[in-house]
Amino acid sequence: MLELLSITVNLLVLLVVLKQTFSLTYRLNSFDRQKEEVVKELIKESKNNLYLTSTISSGIETNLEYKKLNEEMLVKSLNNIVKTNSEFEKKIKTFERKLVNK
């Protein structure tokens, strides 16, 4: 009788351990999917910022070729690039915090 009780208790403990293992595995897989989504979003943002910076730089280059760019427009365009890069850095930091906190 005692052996049967011991076997039953061991089986219950084994079931609890298996349940916890599956639960942790599920959470880990969920974390991996979330991390993958964050990385994809970061890559998308990076591409968008590169396109924007490229467009602004191309505009500056074109205007310099035709000598139609005054100092005020140049400063404004460069400030736009700096602002875009600064916003992107903030997004990277936000994504890093999301990854660390999950």
PDB file of N, CA and C in Angstrom:
ATOM      1  N   MET A   1       0.819  -1.189   0.000  1.00  0.00           N
ATOM      2  CA  MET A   1       0.000   0.000   0.000  1.00  0.00           C
ATOM      3  C   MET A   1       0.869   1.261   0.000  1.00  0.00           C
ATOM      4  N   LEU A   2       1.895   1.245   0.815  1.00  0.00           N
ATOM      5  CA  LEU A   2       2.810   2.383   0.891  1.00  0.00           C
ATOM      6  C   LEU A   2       3.547   2.580  -0.431  1.00  0.00           C
ATOM      7  N   GLU A   3       3.913   1.487  -1.069  1.00  0.00           N
ATOM      8  CA  GLU A   3       4.588   1.584  -2.361  1.00  0.00           C
ATOM      9  C   GLU A   3       3.661   2.176  -3.420  1.00  0.00           C
ATOM     10  N   LEU A   4       2.408   1.795  -3.389  1.00  0.00           N
ATOM     11  CA  LEU A   4       1.434   2.325  -4.337  1.00  0.00           C
ATOM     12  C   LEU A   4       1.250   3.824  -4.128  1.00  0.00           C
ATOM     13  N   LEU A   5       1.196   4.240  -2.896  1.00  0.00           N
ATOM     14  CA  LEU A   5       1.084   5.665  -2.577  1.00  0.00           C
ATOM     15  C   LEU A   5       2.338   6.413  -3.032  1.00  0.00           C
ATOM     16  N   SER A   6       3.490   5.830  -2.809  1.00  0.00           N
ATOM     17  CA  SER A   6       4.751   6.442  -3.229  1.00  0.00           C
ATOM     18  C   SER A   6       4.814   6.571  -4.755  1.00  0.00           C
ATOM     19  N   ILE A   7       4.385   5.548  -5.465  1.00  0.00           N
ATOM     20  CA  ILE A   7       4.373   5.590  -6.930  1.00  0.00           C
ATOM     21  C   ILE A   7       3.406   6.663  -7.412  1.00  0.00           C
ATOM     22  N   THR A   8       2.251   6.757  -6.789  1.00  0.00           N
ATOM     23  CA  THR A   8       1.253   7.762  -7.168  1.00  0.00           C
ATOM     24  C   THR A   8       1.794   9.170  -6.953  1.00  0.00           C
ATOM     25  N   VAL A   9       2.420   9.388  -5.822  1.00  0.00           N
ATOM     26  CA  VAL A   9       2.999  10.704  -5.529  1.00  0.00           C
ATOM     27  C   VAL A   9       4.100  11.024  -6.535  1.00  0.00           C
ATOM     28  N   ASN A  10       4.941  10.072  -6.835  1.00  0.00           N
ATOM     29  CA  ASN A  10       6.010  10.285  -7.816  1.00  0.00           C
ATOM     30  C   ASN A  10       5.442  10.601  -9.202  1.00  0.00           C
ATOM     31  N   LEU A  11       4.373   9.914  -9.577  1.00  0.00           N
ATOM     32  CA  LEU A  11       3.738  10.193 -10.866  1.00  0.00           C
ATOM     33  C   LEU A  11       3.142  11.602 -10.896  1.00  0.00           C
ATOM     34  N   LEU A  12       2.533  12.002  -9.796  1.00  0.00           N
ATOM     35  CA  LEU A  12       1.973  13.354  -9.723  1.00  0.00           C
ATOM     36  C   LEU A  12       3.076  14.409  -9.810  1.00  0.00           C
ATOM     37  N   VAL A  13       4.160  14.167  -9.118  1.00  0.00           N
ATOM     38  CA  VAL A  13       5.293  15.096  -9.179  1.00  0.00           C
ATOM     39  C   VAL A  13       5.842  15.144 -10.604  1.00  0.00           C
ATOM     40  N   LEU A  14       5.939  14.003 -11.241  1.00  0.00           N
ATOM     41  CA  LEU A  14       6.411  13.945 -12.619  1.00  0.00           C
ATOM     42  C   LEU A  14       5.478  14.720 -13.553  1.00  0.00           C
ATOM     43  N   LEU A  15       4.173  14.581 -13.360  1.00  0.00           N
ATOM     44  CA  LEU A  15       3.209  15.324 -14.171  1.00  0.00           C
ATOM     45  C   LEU A  15       3.355  16.831 -13.979  1.00  0.00           C
ATOM     46  N   VAL A  16       3.545  17.254 -12.747  1.00  0.00           N
ATOM     47  CA  VAL A  16       3.722  18.683 -12.468  1.00  0.00           C
ATOM     48  C   VAL A  16       5.000  19.195 -13.131  1.00  0.00           C
ATOM     49  N   VAL A  17       6.059  18.427 -13.030  1.00  0.00           N
ATOM     50  CA  VAL A  17       7.328  18.828 -13.647  1.00  0.00           C
ATOM     51  C   VAL A  17       7.183  18.895 -15.168  1.00  0.00           C
ATOM     52  N   LEU A  18       6.514  17.927 -15.764  1.00  0.00           N
ATOM     53  CA  LEU A  18       6.297  17.943 -17.214  1.00  0.00           C
ATOM     54  C   LEU A  18       5.438  19.134 -17.632  1.00  0.00           C
ATOM     55  N   LYS A  19       4.413  19.407 -16.846  1.00  0.00           N
ATOM     56  CA  LYS A  19       3.554  20.555 -17.148  1.00  0.00           C
ATOM     57  C   LYS A  19       4.364  21.848 -17.110  1.00  0.00           C
ATOM     58  N   GLN A  20       5.187  22.011 -16.106  1.00  0.00           N
ATOM     59  CA  GLN A  20       6.028  23.201 -15.995  1.00  0.00           C
ATOM     60  C   GLN A  20       7.030  23.276 -17.148  1.00  0.00           C
ATOM     61  N   THR A  21       7.572  22.141 -17.529  1.00  0.00           N
ATOM     62  CA  THR A  21       8.519  22.105 -18.645  1.00  0.00           C
ATOM     63  C   THR A  21       7.847  22.552 -19.936  1.00  0.00           C
ATOM     64  N   PHE A  22       6.657  22.038 -20.199  1.00  0.00           N
ATOM     65  CA  PHE A  22       5.932  22.443 -21.406  1.00  0.00           C
ATOM     66  C   PHE A  22       5.551  23.916 -21.349  1.00  0.00           C
ATOM     67  N   SER A  23       5.178  24.371 -20.171  1.00  0.00           N
ATOM     68  CA  SER A  23       4.821  25.783 -20.007  1.00  0.00           C
ATOM     69  C   SER A  23       6.026  26.684 -20.286  1.00  0.00           C
ATOM     70  N   LEU A  24       7.169  26.328 -19.742  1.00  0.00           N
ATOM     71  CA  LEU A  24       8.386  27.113 -19.974  1.00  0.00           C
ATOM     72  C   LEU A  24       8.818  27.054 -21.437  1.00  0.00           C
ATOM     73  N   THR A  25       8.664  25.901 -22.052  1.00  0.00           N
ATOM     74  CA  THR A  25       8.998  25.769 -23.474  1.00  0.00           C
ATOM     75  C   THR A  25       8.105  26.671 -24.311  1.00  0.00           C
ATOM     76  N   TYR A  26       6.818  26.693 -23.993  1.00  0.00           N
ATOM     77  CA  TYR A  26       5.878  27.556 -24.716  1.00  0.00           C
ATOM     78  C   TYR A  26       6.259  29.027 -24.543  1.00  0.00           C
ATOM     79  N   ARG A  27       6.563  29.423 -23.311  1.00  0.00           N
ATOM     80  CA  ARG A  27       6.941  30.817 -23.058  1.00  0.00           C
ATOM     81  C   ARG A  27       8.230  31.181 -23.788  1.00  0.00           C
ATOM     82  N   LEU A  28       9.167  30.270 -23.828  1.00  0.00           N
ATOM     83  CA  LEU A  28      10.427  30.508 -24.531  1.00  0.00           C
ATOM     84  C   LEU A  28      10.188  30.673 -26.028  1.00  0.00           C
ATOM     85  N   ASN A  29       9.360  29.816 -26.602  1.00  0.00           N
ATOM     86  CA  ASN A  29       9.030  29.939 -28.028  1.00  0.00           C
ATOM     87  C   ASN A  29       8.293  31.242 -28.307  1.00  0.00           C
ATOM     88  N   SER A  30       7.419  31.619 -27.405  1.00  0.00           N
ATOM     89  CA  SER A  30       6.691  32.881 -27.551  1.00  0.00           C
ATOM     90  C   SER A  30       7.663  34.051 -27.506  1.00  0.00           C
ATOM     91  N   PHE A  31       8.621  33.992 -26.601  1.00  0.00           N
ATOM     92  CA  PHE A  31       9.636  35.040 -26.504  1.00  0.00           C
ATOM     93  C   PHE A  31      10.450  35.127 -27.789  1.00  0.00           C
ATOM     94  N   ASP A  32      10.816  33.977 -28.347  1.00  0.00           N
ATOM     95  CA  ASP A  32      11.583  33.965 -29.599  1.00  0.00           C
ATOM     96  C   ASP A  32      10.796  34.613 -30.731  1.00  0.00           C
ATOM     97  N   ARG A  33       9.490  34.334 -30.798  1.00  0.00           N
ATOM     98  CA  ARG A  33       8.657  34.948 -31.840  1.00  0.00           C
ATOM     99  C   ARG A  33       8.578  36.453 -31.648  1.00  0.00           C
ATOM    100  N   GLN A  34       8.413  36.890 -30.397  1.00  0.00           N
ATOM    101  CA  GLN A  34       8.349  38.327 -30.124  1.00  0.00           C
ATOM    102  C   GLN A  34       9.671  39.000 -30.477  1.00  0.00           C
ATOM    103  N   LYS A  35      10.763  38.350 -30.129  1.00  0.00           N
ATOM    104  CA  LYS A  35      12.082  38.898 -30.441  1.00  0.00           C
ATOM    105  C   LYS A  35      12.258  39.007 -31.952  1.00  0.00           C
ATOM    106  N   GLU A  36      11.812  37.998 -32.669  1.00  0.00           N
ATOM    107  CA  GLU A  36      11.913  38.011 -34.127  1.00  0.00           C
ATOM    108  C   GLU A  36      11.088  39.158 -34.711  1.00  0.00           C
ATOM    109  N   GLU A  37       9.896  39.385 -34.160  1.00  0.00           N
ATOM    110  CA  GLU A  37       9.054  40.487 -34.638  1.00  0.00           C
ATOM    111  C   GLU A  37       9.718  41.834 -34.379  1.00  0.00           C
ATOM    112  N   VAL A  38      10.327  41.987 -33.216  1.00  0.00           N
ATOM    113  CA  VAL A  38      11.001  43.239 -32.880  1.00  0.00           C
ATOM    114  C   VAL A  38      12.183  43.472 -33.822  1.00  0.00           C
ATOM    115  N   VAL A  39      12.933  42.423 -34.107  1.00  0.00           N
ATOM    116  CA  VAL A  39      14.077  42.555 -35.016  1.00  0.00           C
ATOM    117  C   VAL A  39      13.602  42.917 -36.425  1.00  0.00           C
ATOM    118  N   LYS A  40      12.514  42.286 -36.884  1.00  0.00           N
ATOM    119  CA  LYS A  40      11.967  42.621 -38.205  1.00  0.00           C
ATOM    120  C   LYS A  40      11.527  44.081 -38.251  1.00  0.00           C
ATOM    121  N   GLU A  41      10.883  44.540 -37.185  1.00  0.00           N
ATOM    122  CA  GLU A  41      10.443  45.938 -37.121  1.00  0.00           C
ATOM    123  C   GLU A  41      11.647  46.876 -37.145  1.00  0.00           C
ATOM    124  N   LEU A  42      12.696  46.509 -36.430  1.00  0.00           N
ATOM    125  CA  LEU A  42      13.912  47.318 -36.403  1.00  0.00           C
ATOM    126  C   LEU A  42      14.556  47.385 -37.789  1.00  0.00           C
ATOM    127  N   ILE A  43      14.593  46.272 -38.491  1.00  0.00           N
ATOM    128  CA  ILE A  43      15.149  46.257 -39.848  1.00  0.00           C
ATOM    129  C   ILE A  43      14.313  47.130 -40.772  1.00  0.00           C
ATOM    130  N   LYS A  44      12.996  47.038 -40.641  1.00  0.00           N
ATOM    131  CA  LYS A  44      12.106  47.860 -41.470  1.00  0.00           C
ATOM    132  C   LYS A  44      12.346  49.343 -41.208  1.00  0.00           C
ATOM    133  N   GLU A  45      12.435  49.723 -39.932  1.00  0.00           N
ATOM    134  CA  GLU A  45      12.705  51.118 -39.572  1.00  0.00           C
ATOM    135  C   GLU A  45      14.062  51.565 -40.114  1.00  0.00           C
ATOM    136  N   SER A  46      15.037  50.677 -40.034  1.00  0.00           N
ATOM    137  CA  SER A  46      16.376  50.998 -40.526  1.00  0.00           C
ATOM    138  C   SER A  46      16.351  51.277 -42.020  1.00  0.00           C
ATOM    139  N   LYS A  47      15.649  50.440 -42.774  1.00  0.00           N
ATOM    140  CA  LYS A  47      15.540  50.655 -44.220  1.00  0.00           C
ATOM    141  C   LYS A  47      14.856  51.984 -44.516  1.00  0.00           C
ATOM    142  N   ASN A  48      13.770  52.262 -43.793  1.00  0.00           N
ATOM    143  CA  ASN A  48      13.053  53.521 -44.015  1.00  0.00           C
ATOM    144  C   ASN A  48      13.958  54.721 -43.753  1.00  0.00           C
ATOM    145  N   ASN A  49      14.742  54.649 -42.686  1.00  0.00           N
ATOM    146  CA  ASN A  49      15.642  55.760 -42.364  1.00  0.00           C
ATOM    147  C   ASN A  49      16.754  55.898 -43.395  1.00  0.00           C
ATOM    148  N   LEU A  50      17.240  54.782 -43.896  1.00  0.00           N
ATOM    149  CA  LEU A  50      18.262  54.850 -44.946  1.00  0.00           C
ATOM    150  C   LEU A  50      17.700  55.491 -46.213  1.00  0.00           C
ATOM    151  N   TYR A  51      16.472  55.121 -46.575  1.00  0.00           N
ATOM    152  CA  TYR A  51      15.843  55.722 -47.758  1.00  0.00           C
ATOM    153  C   TYR A  51      15.652  57.219 -47.566  1.00  0.00           C
ATOM    154  N   LEU A  52      15.201  57.607 -46.368  1.00  0.00           N
ATOM    155  CA  LEU A  52      14.973  59.024 -46.093  1.00  0.00           C
ATOM    156  C   LEU A  52      16.283  59.804 -46.146  1.00  0.00           C
ATOM    157  N   THR A  53      17.318  59.276 -45.503  1.00  0.00           N
ATOM    158  CA  THR A  53      18.623  59.937 -45.514  1.00  0.00           C
ATOM    159  C   THR A  53      19.170  60.019 -46.939  1.00  0.00           C
ATOM    160  N   SER A  54      18.986  58.953 -47.698  1.00  0.00           N
ATOM    161  CA  SER A  54      19.442  58.939 -49.086  1.00  0.00           C
ATOM    162  C   SER A  54      18.707  59.987 -49.914  1.00  0.00           C
ATOM    163  N   THR A  55      17.408  60.120 -49.693  1.00  0.00           N
ATOM    164  CA  THR A  55      16.619  61.109 -50.433  1.00  0.00           C
ATOM    165  C   THR A  55      17.070  62.521 -50.107  1.00  0.00           C
ATOM    166  N   ILE A  56      17.264  62.795 -48.822  1.00  0.00           N
ATOM    167  CA  ILE A  56      17.711  64.132 -48.415  1.00  0.00           C
ATOM    168  C   ILE A  56      19.098  64.419 -48.984  1.00  0.00           C
ATOM    169  N   SER A  57      19.995  63.440 -48.889  1.00  0.00           N
ATOM    170  CA  SER A  57      21.354  63.625 -49.418  1.00  0.00           C
ATOM    171  C   SER A  57      21.335  63.847 -50.923  1.00  0.00           C
ATOM    172  N   SER A  58      20.477  63.110 -51.605  1.00  0.00           N
ATOM    173  CA  SER A  58      20.362  63.267 -53.054  1.00  0.00           C
ATOM    174  C   SER A  58      19.850  64.659 -53.411  1.00  0.00           C
ATOM    175  N   GLY A  59      18.891  65.144 -52.621  1.00  0.00           N
ATOM    176  CA  GLY A  59      18.383  66.499 -52.840  1.00  0.00           C
ATOM    177  C   GLY A  59      19.465  67.543 -52.636  1.00  0.00           C
ATOM    178  N   ILE A  60      20.271  67.366 -51.604  1.00  0.00           N
ATOM    179  CA  ILE A  60      21.379  68.298 -51.350  1.00  0.00           C
ATOM    180  C   ILE A  60      22.359  68.261 -52.519  1.00  0.00           C
ATOM    181  N   GLU A  61      22.696  67.050 -52.971  1.00  0.00           N
ATOM    182  CA  GLU A  61      23.650  66.903 -54.075  1.00  0.00           C
ATOM    183  C   GLU A  61      23.124  67.567 -55.350  1.00  0.00           C
ATOM    184  N   THR A  62      21.850  67.336 -55.654  1.00  0.00           N
ATOM    185  CA  THR A  62      21.254  67.931 -56.859  1.00  0.00           C
ATOM    186  C   THR A  62      21.279  69.446 -56.791  1.00  0.00           C
ATOM    187  N   ASN A  63      20.901  69.981 -55.636  1.00  0.00           N
ATOM    188  CA  ASN A  63      20.890  71.436 -55.488  1.00  0.00           C
ATOM    189  C   ASN A  63      22.294  72.028 -55.533  1.00  0.00           C
ATOM    190  N   LEU A  64      23.272  71.291 -55.023  1.00  0.00           N
ATOM    191  CA  LEU A  64      24.651  71.779 -55.101  1.00  0.00           C
ATOM    192  C   LEU A  64      25.139  71.790 -56.547  1.00  0.00           C
ATOM    193  N   GLU A  65      24.733  70.793 -57.319  1.00  0.00           N
ATOM    194  CA  GLU A  65      25.135  70.741 -58.727  1.00  0.00           C
ATOM    195  C   GLU A  65      24.626  71.958 -59.491  1.00  0.00           C
ATOM    196  N   TYR A  66      23.397  72.350 -59.184  1.00  0.00           N
ATOM    197  CA  TYR A  66      22.809  73.488 -59.893  1.00  0.00           C
ATOM    198  C   TYR A  66      23.035  74.808 -59.156  1.00  0.00           C
ATOM    199  N   LYS A  67      23.827  74.737 -58.088  1.00  0.00           N
ATOM    200  CA  LYS A  67      24.182  75.912 -57.286  1.00  0.00           C
ATOM    201  C   LYS A  67      22.944  76.689 -56.842  1.00  0.00           C
ATOM    202  N   LYS A  68      21.901  75.924 -56.515  1.00  0.00           N
ATOM    203  CA  LYS A  68      20.657  76.545 -56.065  1.00  0.00           C
ATOM    204  C   LYS A  68      20.453  76.376 -54.562  1.00  0.00           C
ATOM    205  N   LEU A  69      21.445  75.865 -53.895  1.00  0.00           N
ATOM    206  CA  LEU A  69      21.293  75.579 -52.475  1.00  0.00           C
ATOM    207  C   LEU A  69      21.936  76.676 -51.658  1.00  0.00           C
ATOM    208  N   ASN A  70      21.123  77.348 -50.871  1.00  0.00           N
ATOM    209  CA  ASN A  70      21.715  78.356 -50.001  1.00  0.00           C
ATOM    210  C   ASN A  70      22.025  77.723 -48.649  1.00  0.00           C
ATOM    211  N   GLU A  71      22.695  78.482 -47.830  1.00  0.00           N
ATOM    212  CA  GLU A  71      23.151  77.957 -46.540  1.00  0.00           C
ATOM    213  C   GLU A  71      21.976  77.538 -45.664  1.00  0.00           C
ATOM    214  N   GLU A  72      20.912  78.293 -45.692  1.00  0.00           N
ATOM    215  CA  GLU A  72      19.746  77.991 -44.855  1.00  0.00           C
ATOM    216  C   GLU A  72      19.122  76.643 -45.240  1.00  0.00           C
ATOM    217  N   MET A  73      18.993  76.388 -46.536  1.00  0.00           N
ATOM    218  CA  MET A  73      18.428  75.114 -46.988  1.00  0.00           C
ATOM    219  C   MET A  73      19.346  73.946 -46.641  1.00  0.00           C
ATOM    220  N   LEU A  74      20.643  74.151 -46.749  1.00  0.00           N
ATOM    221  CA  LEU A  74      21.601  73.105 -46.421  1.00  0.00           C
ATOM    222  C   LEU A  74      21.511  72.747 -44.939  1.00  0.00           C
ATOM    223  N   VAL A  75      21.478  73.760 -44.093  1.00  0.00           N
ATOM    224  CA  VAL A  75      21.376  73.525 -42.649  1.00  0.00           C
ATOM    225  C   VAL A  75      20.066  72.813 -42.325  1.00  0.00           C
ATOM    226  N   LYS A  76      18.983  73.223 -42.972  1.00  0.00           N
ATOM    227  CA  LYS A  76      17.685  72.591 -42.734  1.00  0.00           C
ATOM    228  C   LYS A  76      17.719  71.115 -43.134  1.00  0.00           C
ATOM    229  N   SER A  77      18.297  70.818 -44.281  1.00  0.00           N
ATOM    230  CA  SER A  77      18.390  69.430 -44.740  1.00  0.00           C
ATOM    231  C   SER A  77      19.259  68.588 -43.811  1.00  0.00           C
ATOM    232  N   LEU A  78      20.376  69.141 -43.399  1.00  0.00           N
ATOM    233  CA  LEU A  78      21.260  68.405 -42.482  1.00  0.00           C
ATOM    234  C   LEU A  78      20.594  68.200 -41.125  1.00  0.00           C
ATOM    235  N   ASN A  79      19.843  69.191 -40.667  1.00  0.00           N
ATOM    236  CA  ASN A  79      19.103  69.038 -39.409  1.00  0.00           C
ATOM    237  C   ASN A  79      18.048  67.943 -39.527  1.00  0.00           C
ATOM    238  N   ASN A  80      17.428  67.826 -40.703  1.00  0.00           N
ATOM    239  CA  ASN A  80      16.462  66.746 -40.919  1.00  0.00           C
ATOM    240  C   ASN A  80      17.129  65.380 -40.809  1.00  0.00           C
ATOM    241  N   ILE A  81      18.335  65.270 -41.360  1.00  0.00           N
ATOM    242  CA  ILE A  81      19.071  64.003 -41.261  1.00  0.00           C
ATOM    243  C   ILE A  81      19.397  63.699 -39.799  1.00  0.00           C
ATOM    244  N   VAL A  82      19.870  64.701 -39.078  1.00  0.00           N
ATOM    245  CA  VAL A  82      20.210  64.512 -37.660  1.00  0.00           C
ATOM    246  C   VAL A  82      18.969  64.116 -36.870  1.00  0.00           C
ATOM    247  N   LYS A  83      17.853  64.778 -37.137  1.00  0.00           N
ATOM    248  CA  LYS A  83      16.601  64.480 -36.429  1.00  0.00           C
ATOM    249  C   LYS A  83      16.153  63.048 -36.715  1.00  0.00           C
ATOM    250  N   THR A  84      16.222  62.647 -37.970  1.00  0.00           N
ATOM    251  CA  THR A  84      15.829  61.289 -38.351  1.00  0.00           C
ATOM    252  C   THR A  84      16.707  60.257 -37.654  1.00  0.00           C
ATOM    253  N   ASN A  85      18.002  60.491 -37.649  1.00  0.00           N
ATOM    254  CA  ASN A  85      18.922  59.559 -36.980  1.00  0.00           C
ATOM    255  C   ASN A  85      18.680  59.511 -35.480  1.00  0.00           C
ATOM    256  N   SER A  86      18.391  60.651 -34.881  1.00  0.00           N
ATOM    257  CA  SER A  86      18.119  60.707 -33.448  1.00  0.00           C
ATOM    258  C   SER A  86      16.850  59.930 -33.104  1.00  0.00           C
ATOM    259  N   GLU A  87      15.815  60.102 -33.916  1.00  0.00           N
ATOM    260  CA  GLU A  87      14.569  59.364 -33.689  1.00  0.00           C
ATOM    261  C   GLU A  87      14.793  57.867 -33.841  1.00  0.00           C
ATOM    262  N   PHE A  88      15.618  57.498 -34.797  1.00  0.00           N
ATOM    263  CA  PHE A  88      15.905  56.082 -35.001  1.00  0.00           C
ATOM    264  C   PHE A  88      16.671  55.507 -33.811  1.00  0.00           C
ATOM    265  N   GLU A  89      17.610  56.265 -33.273  1.00  0.00           N
ATOM    266  CA  GLU A  89      18.347  55.814 -32.085  1.00  0.00           C
ATOM    267  C   GLU A  89      17.397  55.592 -30.916  1.00  0.00           C
ATOM    268  N   LYS A  90      16.418  56.479 -30.758  1.00  0.00           N
ATOM    269  CA  LYS A  90      15.427  56.314 -29.687  1.00  0.00           C
ATOM    270  C   LYS A  90      14.628  55.030 -29.891  1.00  0.00           C
ATOM    271  N   LYS A  91      14.263  54.744 -31.139  1.00  0.00           N
ATOM    272  CA  LYS A  91      13.514  53.518 -31.422  1.00  0.00           C
ATOM    273  C   LYS A  91      14.356  52.286 -31.132  1.00  0.00           C
ATOM    274  N   ILE A  92      15.637  52.347 -31.459  1.00  0.00           N
ATOM    275  CA  ILE A  92      16.524  51.218 -31.164  1.00  0.00           C
ATOM    276  C   ILE A  92      16.583  50.981 -29.657  1.00  0.00           C
ATOM    277  N   LYS A  93      16.718  52.051 -28.887  1.00  0.00           N
ATOM    278  CA  LYS A  93      16.764  51.911 -27.429  1.00  0.00           C
ATOM    279  C   LYS A  93      15.462  51.333 -26.897  1.00  0.00           C
ATOM    280  N   THR A  94      14.331  51.755 -27.478  1.00  0.00           N
ATOM    281  CA  THR A  94      13.036  51.216 -27.065  1.00  0.00           C
ATOM    282  C   THR A  94      12.960  49.724 -27.372  1.00  0.00           C
ATOM    283  N   PHE A  95      13.403  49.324 -28.564  1.00  0.00           N
ATOM    284  CA  PHE A  95      13.401  47.913 -28.928  1.00  0.00           C
ATOM    285  C   PHE A  95      14.320  47.113 -28.005  1.00  0.00           C
ATOM    286  N   GLU A  96      15.474  47.678 -27.664  1.00  0.00           N
ATOM    287  CA  GLU A  96      16.398  46.992 -26.752  1.00  0.00           C
ATOM    288  C   GLU A  96      15.738  46.768 -25.397  1.00  0.00           C
ATOM    289  N   ARG A  97      15.034  47.797 -24.905  1.00  0.00           N
ATOM    290  CA  ARG A  97      14.342  47.650 -23.617  1.00  0.00           C
ATOM    291  C   ARG A  97      13.267  46.568 -23.702  1.00  0.00           C
ATOM    292  N   LYS A  98      12.549  46.525 -24.818  1.00  0.00           N
ATOM    293  CA  LYS A  98      11.517  45.498 -24.985  1.00  0.00           C
ATOM    294  C   LYS A  98      12.135  44.107 -24.948  1.00  0.00           C
ATOM    295  N   LEU A  99      13.271  43.959 -25.612  1.00  0.00           N
ATOM    296  CA  LEU A  99      13.924  42.652 -25.632  1.00  0.00           C
ATOM    297  C   LEU A  99      14.423  42.252 -24.254  1.00  0.00           C
ATOM    298  N   VAL A 100      14.962  43.195 -23.529  1.00  0.00           N
ATOM    299  CA  VAL A 100      15.512  42.893 -22.205  1.00  0.00           C
ATOM    300  C   VAL A 100      14.394  42.583 -21.213  1.00  0.00           C
ATOM    301  N   ASN A 101      13.284  43.299 -21.314  1.00  0.00           N
ATOM    302  CA  ASN A 101      12.198  43.142 -20.351  1.00  0.00           C
ATOM    303  C   ASN A 101      11.343  41.909 -20.590  1.00  0.00           C
ATOM    304  N   LYS A 102      11.456  41.294 -21.745  1.00  0.00           N
ATOM    305  CA  LYS A 102      10.598  40.132 -22.022  1.00  0.00           C
ATOM    306  C   LYS A 102      11.268  38.862 -21.637  1.00  0.00           C
TER     307      LYS A 102
END
